[in-house]
Each structure stands twice: as structure tokens, then as C-alpha cells.
Amino acid sequence: MLQILNNLFNQSFSVLTLPVMFFSMTVVNIICNFATFRLYSVIGMPAYLCFPLLGSAMAFIAKDTYPTSYYIYKCSKDIIRNTKAKAPGNHNFLRLMSSCKPLGVHTFFFIIKQKTILTFYGIAIDKTIFLLLS
């Protein structure tokens, strides 16, 4: 039952919602970081404050979203491994547990894992520096 719910969740969200959300978080973070450093003297102070606030909000949302998604993957992988270890003699049950994939939040091409947050921050910093130098 849990595997069916996982498949339904991933099919409904991984096609469009999650990739667009993660891509837009990255783009908004890059644009806001660029505007924070480059447009300080161009835009007036009350309007200028939206850039650092929105850029830091995207970073905090990513900090909260990615590890939670990884935690789902890690826990389900541990449950499958522990359940296999507890029933070594029952071959039908072991075959059933071997067919179960770990639950995880899927986007187009990857499951969100532990290093995904580092990739997000690496891309955001790299592209911000590239924009500032150009």
C-alpha cells in the first residue's frame, strides 16, 4: 500500500510540480543574490530590501525542503534493509522485500539524496559569481 501511494505521489508531483519548484528556487536565489550585490545604489532602500529577503528565503526553503526529502529516502531504505535482516529464512518474504524500492521524492532524473542541497548551493553561488563577473 505504501509503495502504491509513493508511486502516485511521485507520478503526480515529479512530472511538473517539483522540478519547476526546485528550478524556480534556484533561479530566484541567483537573481536575488545578483541584485543584492549589483543594484544597491540603483534601487531605493525600501524596494531594495526585497532582494536580500527573497534570496535568503529561497535559501532557507531549500535548506528545509531538501533534507526532509532525503530523510524520507533514508528511512525507507533503512526499513527495507532491517526487515530483510530480520527474516533470513523466509524466501518469499525476502523476494517481496527485494522488489520494494525505497521511497523517495523524485524529480525528472534523480531522487533527492543527501548531496542535493550541496549541489543547489553550489549552483547558486557559482552562477551568482558568474553574473557578477560578467
C-alpha atoms as a PDB file:
ATOM      1  CA  MET A   1       0.000   0.000   0.000  1.00  0.00           C
ATOM      2  CA  LEU A   2       2.808   2.388   0.877  1.00  0.00           C
ATOM      3  CA  GLN A   3       4.548   1.632  -2.426  1.00  0.00           C
ATOM      4  CA  ILE A   4       1.343   2.444  -4.320  1.00  0.00           C
ATOM      5  CA  LEU A   5       0.990   5.763  -2.512  1.00  0.00           C
ATOM      6  CA  ASN A   6       4.626   6.562  -3.214  1.00  0.00           C
ATOM      7  CA  ASN A   7       4.143   5.860  -6.920  1.00  0.00           C
ATOM      8  CA  LEU A   8       1.025   8.015  -7.053  1.00  0.00           C
ATOM      9  CA  PHE A   9       2.774  10.848  -5.214  1.00  0.00           C
ATOM     10  CA  ASN A  10       5.817  10.715  -7.466  1.00  0.00           C
ATOM     11  CA  GLN A  11       3.781  10.485 -10.652  1.00  0.00           C
ATOM     12  CA  SER A  12       1.646  13.454  -9.742  1.00  0.00           C
ATOM     13  CA  PHE A  13       4.413  15.718  -8.421  1.00  0.00           C
ATOM     14  CA  SER A  14       7.569  14.673 -10.240  1.00  0.00           C
ATOM     15  CA  VAL A  15       6.249  15.416 -13.700  1.00  0.00           C
ATOM     16  CA  LEU A  16       5.863  19.162 -13.297  1.00  0.00           C
ATOM     17  CA  THR A  17       5.442  20.484  -9.771  1.00  0.00           C
ATOM     18  CA  LEU A  18       8.708  19.530  -8.050  1.00  0.00           C
ATOM     19  CA  PRO A  19      11.073  20.187 -10.969  1.00  0.00           C
ATOM     20  CA  VAL A  20       9.500  23.606 -11.561  1.00  0.00           C
ATOM     21  CA  MET A  21       9.644  24.406  -7.845  1.00  0.00           C
ATOM     22  CA  PHE A  22      13.296  23.398  -7.471  1.00  0.00           C
ATOM     23  CA  PHE A  23      14.304  25.137 -10.706  1.00  0.00           C
ATOM     24  CA  SER A  24      12.478  28.345  -9.788  1.00  0.00           C
ATOM     25  CA  MET A  25      14.002  28.329  -6.288  1.00  0.00           C
ATOM     26  CA  THR A  26      17.437  28.175  -7.866  1.00  0.00           C
ATOM     27  CA  VAL A  27      16.726  30.899 -10.418  1.00  0.00           C
ATOM     28  CA  VAL A  28      15.109  33.257  -7.900  1.00  0.00           C
ATOM     29  CA  ASN A  29      18.012  32.746  -5.496  1.00  0.00           C
ATOM     30  CA  ILE A  30      20.562  33.560  -8.219  1.00  0.00           C
ATOM     31  CA  ILE A  31      18.686  36.652  -9.397  1.00  0.00           C
ATOM     32  CA  CYS A  32      18.159  37.958  -5.883  1.00  0.00           C
ATOM     33  CA  ASN A  33      21.794  37.406  -4.928  1.00  0.00           C
ATOM     34  CA  PHE A  34      22.902  39.212  -8.086  1.00  0.00           C
ATOM     35  CA  ALA A  35      20.537  42.110  -7.435  1.00  0.00           C
ATOM     36  CA  THR A  36      21.636  42.299  -3.807  1.00  0.00           C
ATOM     37  CA  PHE A  37      25.257  42.857  -4.774  1.00  0.00           C
ATOM     38  CA  ARG A  38      24.886  44.780  -8.028  1.00  0.00           C
ATOM     39  CA  LEU A  39      21.821  47.016  -7.583  1.00  0.00           C
ATOM     40  CA  TYR A  40      22.494  48.548  -4.172  1.00  0.00           C
ATOM     41  CA  SER A  41      22.984  52.084  -5.477  1.00  0.00           C
ATOM     42  CA  VAL A  42      20.409  51.840  -8.286  1.00  0.00           C
ATOM     43  CA  ILE A  43      17.251  50.908  -6.360  1.00  0.00           C
ATOM     44  CA  GLY A  44      15.934  52.817  -3.355  1.00  0.00           C
ATOM     45  CA  MET A  45      16.101  51.291   0.099  1.00  0.00           C
ATOM     46  CA  PRO A  46      12.545  50.057   0.771  1.00  0.00           C
ATOM     47  CA  ALA A  47      12.352  48.344  -2.623  1.00  0.00           C
ATOM     48  CA  TYR A  48      15.929  47.099  -2.385  1.00  0.00           C
ATOM     49  CA  LEU A  49      15.193  45.079   0.761  1.00  0.00           C
ATOM     50  CA  CYS A  50      13.040  42.600  -1.171  1.00  0.00           C
ATOM     51  CA  PHE A  51      16.125  41.168  -2.913  1.00  0.00           C
ATOM     52  CA  PRO A  52      18.137  40.051   0.124  1.00  0.00           C
ATOM     53  CA  LEU A  53      14.985  38.922   1.924  1.00  0.00           C
ATOM     54  CA  LEU A  54      13.736  36.864  -1.010  1.00  0.00           C
ATOM     55  CA  GLY A  55      17.195  35.431  -1.727  1.00  0.00           C
ATOM     56  CA  SER A  56      17.654  34.330   1.863  1.00  0.00           C
ATOM     57  CA  ALA A  57      14.073  32.971   1.944  1.00  0.00           C
ATOM     58  CA  MET A  58      14.834  30.759  -1.061  1.00  0.00           C
ATOM     59  CA  ALA A  59      17.994  29.508   0.640  1.00  0.00           C
ATOM     60  CA  PHE A  60      16.058  28.691   3.828  1.00  0.00           C
ATOM     61  CA  ILE A  61      13.270  26.973   1.890  1.00  0.00           C
ATOM     62  CA  ALA A  62      15.873  24.832   0.132  1.00  0.00           C
ATOM     63  CA  LYS A  63      17.531  24.121   3.483  1.00  0.00           C
ATOM     64  CA  ASP A  64      14.196  22.859   4.827  1.00  0.00           C
ATOM     65  CA  THR A  65      12.921  21.073   1.716  1.00  0.00           C
ATOM     66  CA  TYR A  66      15.900  19.041   0.531  1.00  0.00           C
ATOM     67  CA  PRO A  67      16.901  17.363   3.837  1.00  0.00           C
ATOM     68  CA  THR A  68      13.285  16.404   4.576  1.00  0.00           C
ATOM     69  CA  SER A  69      13.022  14.806   1.157  1.00  0.00           C
ATOM     70  CA  TYR A  70      16.287  12.966   1.744  1.00  0.00           C
ATOM     71  CA  TYR A  71      15.090  11.791   5.170  1.00  0.00           C
ATOM     72  CA  ILE A  72      12.144  10.004   3.515  1.00  0.00           C
ATOM     73  CA  TYR A  73      14.543   8.150   1.212  1.00  0.00           C
ATOM     74  CA  LYS A  74      16.970   7.264   4.017  1.00  0.00           C
ATOM     75  CA  CYS A  75      14.296   5.974   6.402  1.00  0.00           C
ATOM     76  CA  SER A  76      12.589   3.801   3.810  1.00  0.00           C
ATOM     77  CA  LYS A  77      15.949   2.346   2.740  1.00  0.00           C
ATOM     78  CA  ASP A  78      16.751   1.533   6.391  1.00  0.00           C
ATOM     79  CA  ILE A  79      13.342  -0.076   6.915  1.00  0.00           C
ATOM     80  CA  ILE A  80      13.795  -2.340   3.892  1.00  0.00           C
ATOM     81  CA  ARG A  81      17.317  -3.319   4.956  1.00  0.00           C
ATOM     82  CA  ASN A  82      16.282  -4.012   8.587  1.00  0.00           C
ATOM     83  CA  THR A  83      13.236  -6.017   7.541  1.00  0.00           C
ATOM     84  CA  LYS A  84      15.368  -8.179   5.229  1.00  0.00           C
ATOM     85  CA  ALA A  85      17.799  -8.844   8.074  1.00  0.00           C
ATOM     86  CA  LYS A  86      15.042  -9.974  10.462  1.00  0.00           C
ATOM     87  CA  ALA A  87      13.596 -12.656   8.169  1.00  0.00           C
ATOM     88  CA  PRO A  88      16.548 -14.534   6.630  1.00  0.00           C
ATOM     89  CA  GLY A  89      14.742 -17.880   6.182  1.00  0.00           C
ATOM     90  CA  ASN A  90      11.502 -16.818   4.515  1.00  0.00           C
ATOM     91  CA  HIS A  91      12.377 -16.739   0.788  1.00  0.00           C
ATOM     92  CA  ASN A  92       9.002 -15.426  -0.395  1.00  0.00           C
ATOM     93  CA  PHE A  93       9.158 -12.536   2.039  1.00  0.00           C
ATOM     94  CA  LEU A  94      12.748 -11.754   1.052  1.00  0.00           C
ATOM     95  CA  ARG A  95      11.727 -11.732  -2.599  1.00  0.00           C
ATOM     96  CA  LEU A  96       8.870  -9.379  -1.786  1.00  0.00           C
ATOM     97  CA  MET A  97      11.174  -7.041   0.144  1.00  0.00           C
ATOM     98  CA  SER A  98      13.754  -7.138  -2.649  1.00  0.00           C
ATOM     99  CA  SER A  99      11.126  -5.950  -5.100  1.00  0.00           C
ATOM    100  CA  CYS A 100      10.325  -2.894  -2.955  1.00  0.00           C
ATOM    101  CA  LYS A 101      12.122   0.270  -3.965  1.00  0.00           C
ATOM    102  CA  PRO A 102      12.990   2.852  -1.331  1.00  0.00           C
ATOM    103  CA  LEU A 103      10.514   5.670  -1.081  1.00  0.00           C
ATOM    104  CA  GLY A 104      11.845   8.967  -2.214  1.00  0.00           C
ATOM    105  CA  VAL A 105      10.931  12.282  -3.701  1.00  0.00           C
ATOM    106  CA  HIS A 106      11.641  12.020  -7.419  1.00  0.00           C
ATOM    107  CA  THR A 107      12.189  14.845  -9.831  1.00  0.00           C
ATOM    108  CA  PHE A 108      12.711  14.296 -13.557  1.00  0.00           C
ATOM    109  CA  PHE A 109      16.015  12.469 -13.469  1.00  0.00           C
ATOM    110  CA  PHE A 110      17.010  11.924  -9.860  1.00  0.00           C
ATOM    111  CA  ILE A 111      15.872  11.081  -6.356  1.00  0.00           C
ATOM    112  CA  ILE A 112      16.657  13.786  -3.835  1.00  0.00           C
ATOM    113  CA  LYS A 113      19.561  12.498  -1.764  1.00  0.00           C
ATOM    114  CA  GLN A 114      21.928  13.885   0.843  1.00  0.00           C
ATOM    115  CA  LYS A 115      24.241  15.768  -1.533  1.00  0.00           C
ATOM    116  CA  THR A 116      21.421  17.532  -3.421  1.00  0.00           C
ATOM    117  CA  ILE A 117      21.424  20.508  -1.043  1.00  0.00           C
ATOM    118  CA  LEU A 118      25.144  20.993  -1.646  1.00  0.00           C
ATOM    119  CA  THR A 119      24.524  20.908  -5.375  1.00  0.00           C
ATOM    120  CA  PHE A 120      21.806  23.551  -5.016  1.00  0.00           C
ATOM    121  CA  TYR A 121      24.044  25.901  -3.049  1.00  0.00           C
ATOM    122  CA  GLY A 122      26.979  25.217  -5.377  1.00  0.00           C
ATOM    123  CA  ILE A 123      24.949  26.128  -8.461  1.00  0.00           C
ATOM    124  CA  ALA A 124      23.517  29.241  -6.790  1.00  0.00           C
ATOM    125  CA  ILE A 125      26.935  30.514  -5.709  1.00  0.00           C
ATOM    126  CA  ASP A 126      28.622  29.622  -8.999  1.00  0.00           C
ATOM    127  CA  LYS A 127      26.020  31.310 -11.188  1.00  0.00           C
ATOM    128  CA  THR A 128      25.841  34.377  -8.928  1.00  0.00           C
ATOM    129  CA  ILE A 129      29.611  34.860  -9.172  1.00  0.00           C
ATOM    130  CA  PHE A 130      29.425  34.307 -12.940  1.00  0.00           C
ATOM    131  CA  LEU A 131      26.768  37.032 -13.258  1.00  0.00           C
ATOM    132  CA  LEU A 132      28.702  39.420 -11.046  1.00  0.00           C
ATOM    133  CA  LEU A 133      31.859  38.982 -13.129  1.00  0.00           C
ATOM    134  CA  SER A 134      30.102  39.481 -16.449  1.00  0.00           C
END
